[in-house]
Amino acid sequence: PKRAKRYRIKIDRTYYEVTESRMTGRQLLTKAAKLPPEQYRIDQKFQDGHTQQIALDEFADFTTPGVERFQTLALDSTEG
């Protein structure tokens, strides 16, 4: 497909517009202010309901149609 000038992505419940056609897991976590990125996990959510983990140095491609959705999860255990 033709590359767009901007891509709309959703991380957790917040929408972002980015100009890159793909970003690493580290870049996505930094965009969502999940710092340091090593303490978080990010998963891409697909329309059919399944999820796929994106490693810190792995790229997520935004050229597929639709809003790219991601969810984050803290890796450290907290007392609660």
Protein backbone atom coordinates (compact mmCIF):
# COMPACT_ATOMS: atom_id res chain seq x y z
CA PRO A 1 0.00 0.00 0.00
CA LYS A 2 0.95 3.60 -0.49
CA ARG A 3 2.75 5.13 2.48
CA ALA A 4 0.84 7.79 4.38
CA LYS A 5 2.27 11.04 5.67
CA ARG A 6 0.93 10.35 9.16
CA TYR A 7 -0.22 7.26 11.00
CA ARG A 8 -2.67 7.15 13.87
CA ILE A 9 -1.78 4.70 16.62
CA LYS A 10 -3.41 3.95 19.95
CA ILE A 11 -1.32 2.98 22.97
CA ASP A 12 -3.45 1.93 25.92
CA ARG A 13 -6.25 4.55 25.77
CA THR A 14 -4.34 7.43 24.15
CA TYR A 15 -4.13 8.22 20.43
CA TYR A 16 -0.91 9.48 18.82
CA GLU A 17 -0.06 10.63 15.32
CA VAL A 18 3.36 9.65 14.03
CA THR A 19 5.14 10.28 10.73
CA GLU A 20 7.19 7.05 10.71
CA SER A 21 5.73 4.02 8.91
CA ARG A 22 7.23 1.72 11.53
CA MET A 23 8.60 2.06 15.05
CA THR A 24 10.42 -0.21 17.48
CA GLY A 25 8.91 -1.38 20.74
CA ARG A 26 11.35 0.95 22.54
CA GLN A 27 10.15 3.95 20.49
CA LEU A 28 6.50 3.10 21.14
CA LEU A 29 7.06 2.82 24.90
CA THR A 30 8.98 6.11 24.92
CA LYS A 31 6.15 7.77 22.96
CA ALA A 32 3.69 6.57 25.63
CA ALA A 33 5.98 7.87 28.43
CA LYS A 34 6.61 4.35 29.77
CA LEU A 35 10.13 4.96 31.04
CA PRO A 36 12.49 3.23 31.28
CA PRO A 37 11.25 1.04 28.41
CA GLU A 38 13.08 -2.02 29.79
CA GLN A 39 10.54 -2.17 32.64
CA TYR A 40 7.53 -2.46 30.30
CA ARG A 41 6.15 -4.85 27.71
CA ILE A 42 4.17 -3.75 24.67
CA ASP A 43 1.76 -5.92 22.69
CA GLN A 44 0.09 -5.18 19.37
CA LYS A 45 -3.66 -5.89 19.32
CA PHE A 46 -5.21 -7.16 16.08
CA GLN A 47 -8.80 -6.91 14.84
CA ASP A 48 -9.42 -10.64 15.27
CA GLY A 49 -8.64 -10.32 18.98
CA HIS A 50 -5.19 -11.87 19.21
CA THR A 51 -2.12 -10.02 20.44
CA GLN A 52 1.56 -10.22 19.58
CA GLN A 53 4.40 -9.02 21.76
CA ILE A 54 6.73 -6.45 20.21
CA ALA A 55 10.30 -6.75 21.50
CA LEU A 56 12.19 -3.56 22.33
CA ASP A 57 14.29 -3.76 19.14
CA GLU A 58 11.55 -5.28 16.94
CA PHE A 59 9.62 -3.11 14.47
CA ALA A 60 5.85 -2.69 14.33
CA ASP A 61 4.65 -1.83 10.81
CA PHE A 62 1.87 0.76 10.45
CA THR A 63 1.23 0.37 6.71
CA THR A 64 -1.69 -2.04 7.18
CA PRO A 65 -5.12 -0.33 7.06
CA GLY A 66 -6.81 0.78 10.28
CA VAL A 67 -5.71 2.13 13.62
CA GLU A 68 -2.72 0.33 15.08
CA ARG A 69 -3.54 -0.59 18.68
CA PHE A 70 -1.06 -1.43 21.41
CA GLN A 71 -1.29 -2.24 25.10
CA THR A 72 1.45 -1.93 27.69
CA LEU A 73 2.16 -3.92 30.80
CA ALA A 74 4.60 -3.14 33.61
CA LEU A 75 7.08 -5.98 34.13
CA ASP A 76 7.89 -5.27 37.78
CA SER A 77 5.73 -6.73 40.47
CA THR A 78 4.24 -4.23 42.88
CA GLU A 79 2.80 -4.76 46.31
CA GLY A 80 -0.82 -4.06 46.47
